[in-house]
Amino acid sequence: MTSAGAVVEVGVDLGGTATRVVVRHDDVTVGHTTVTTSDLGKGSPDQRARSLWSVIKDIVSTDMDLSSIGIAASGPIDVRTGIIENADTLEWFSGFNLVGLMAALSGVPVFIENDAVAAAIGEYQHGAGRDAERLLLVTLGTGIGVALLEHGQPFRQFNGQHPDSGHIPVFGDNVICYCGLTGCWEQSASRLALERALSPLHSGEVSPTELISLISAKARGGDEMATEAFVEYGRKVGRGIALLHTVYGPSVTVIGGTVANTFDLFSSGMNQSLTRADGFYLPVDIVRAELGPEAGAIGAAALAKDRSSEKPSVLRKAT
């Protein structure tokens, strides 16, 4: 329960499937909601921004002082302009100045960041990667998000862009990913890839979320085919993590995203892919994310709070 006049930050995680919004006060979530991203994508860019603003207003009480908004979005994102350039998995919010429109509607500073970076910041400040010297975060969702934080600061490419490591080519197949490469990690180890692998194990029409839940229950109940499906998926997850560990040498790796709920089922397969010869062993702690599906939104609110503190304070009632 927050008092009247409480200063709050809003974090928005724009995902390819779901959009999560949290309201944070003194680093505690005091309001949250989840909506279907495609439902926000109707109409013109201005109408889409207004739809998102409407969702925010519904969970920010009129007696709260909104100080800033942070937006996490699946990339690529042009960090110089703040424009999302992800027409493949986030078409509804790509190609226009969402930050500018949201700032005009809300009257407060608005910041945008890659969703994996935001989730990593959330886990670094409030979750499984608290104060890690070098934190690698891997989110397994509609795609694969990867972020590396060095003492809490994100690693960038020379041009300031976020390295989209979900698209590292680690397999020998000839399937062309939407990024243009073949053998992409994301094509074989995302949640969508897991859903494809599990679908032959269940007859009948169920939602993707229900499918994973049903087959994971079978695996935990001892079903051998279900168990092996998750182990094989873990091997594919591990292939990409092995490459990232070799290149980045993190102190902690946090596994997040919606598939993290099955970490107990795929971790053995993942560890098989990480086994190395003597002399090449990398002592990296691999842990499940603590913040759950809201990690990106919580991180977005945290970065909005941090970055807005560098600017003159702007408060506005969410009316």
Foldseek 3Di string as FASTA:
>chain_A
DDDFAFEWEKFWEQWLFKIKIFIDGPLDTPWIDMDGNVVLLDDDLLSSLVSVLVVVLVTFDLRYWYWEYFYAYAADADQVQRAGDCCPRRVSRHDDRSQVSNCVQFVHHYYYDHLQLLLQLLCCPPKDNPQFQWEWEWEAALFIAIWIAHRSHTDADPSRTRPRLQFDQQDDDQDQDPVGDPNGLRCCQHLVNLLVLQVVVDDDDDDSVVSVVVLLVVVVVPDPVSLVSLQCSLLSVLSSVLVVCVVPVGQEYEYAYPCLVSCVRHVVSSVVNNDDDPPPHRPYHYYYIDPHPCSSRSSRRVVGVVVCVVDPTDIDRSD
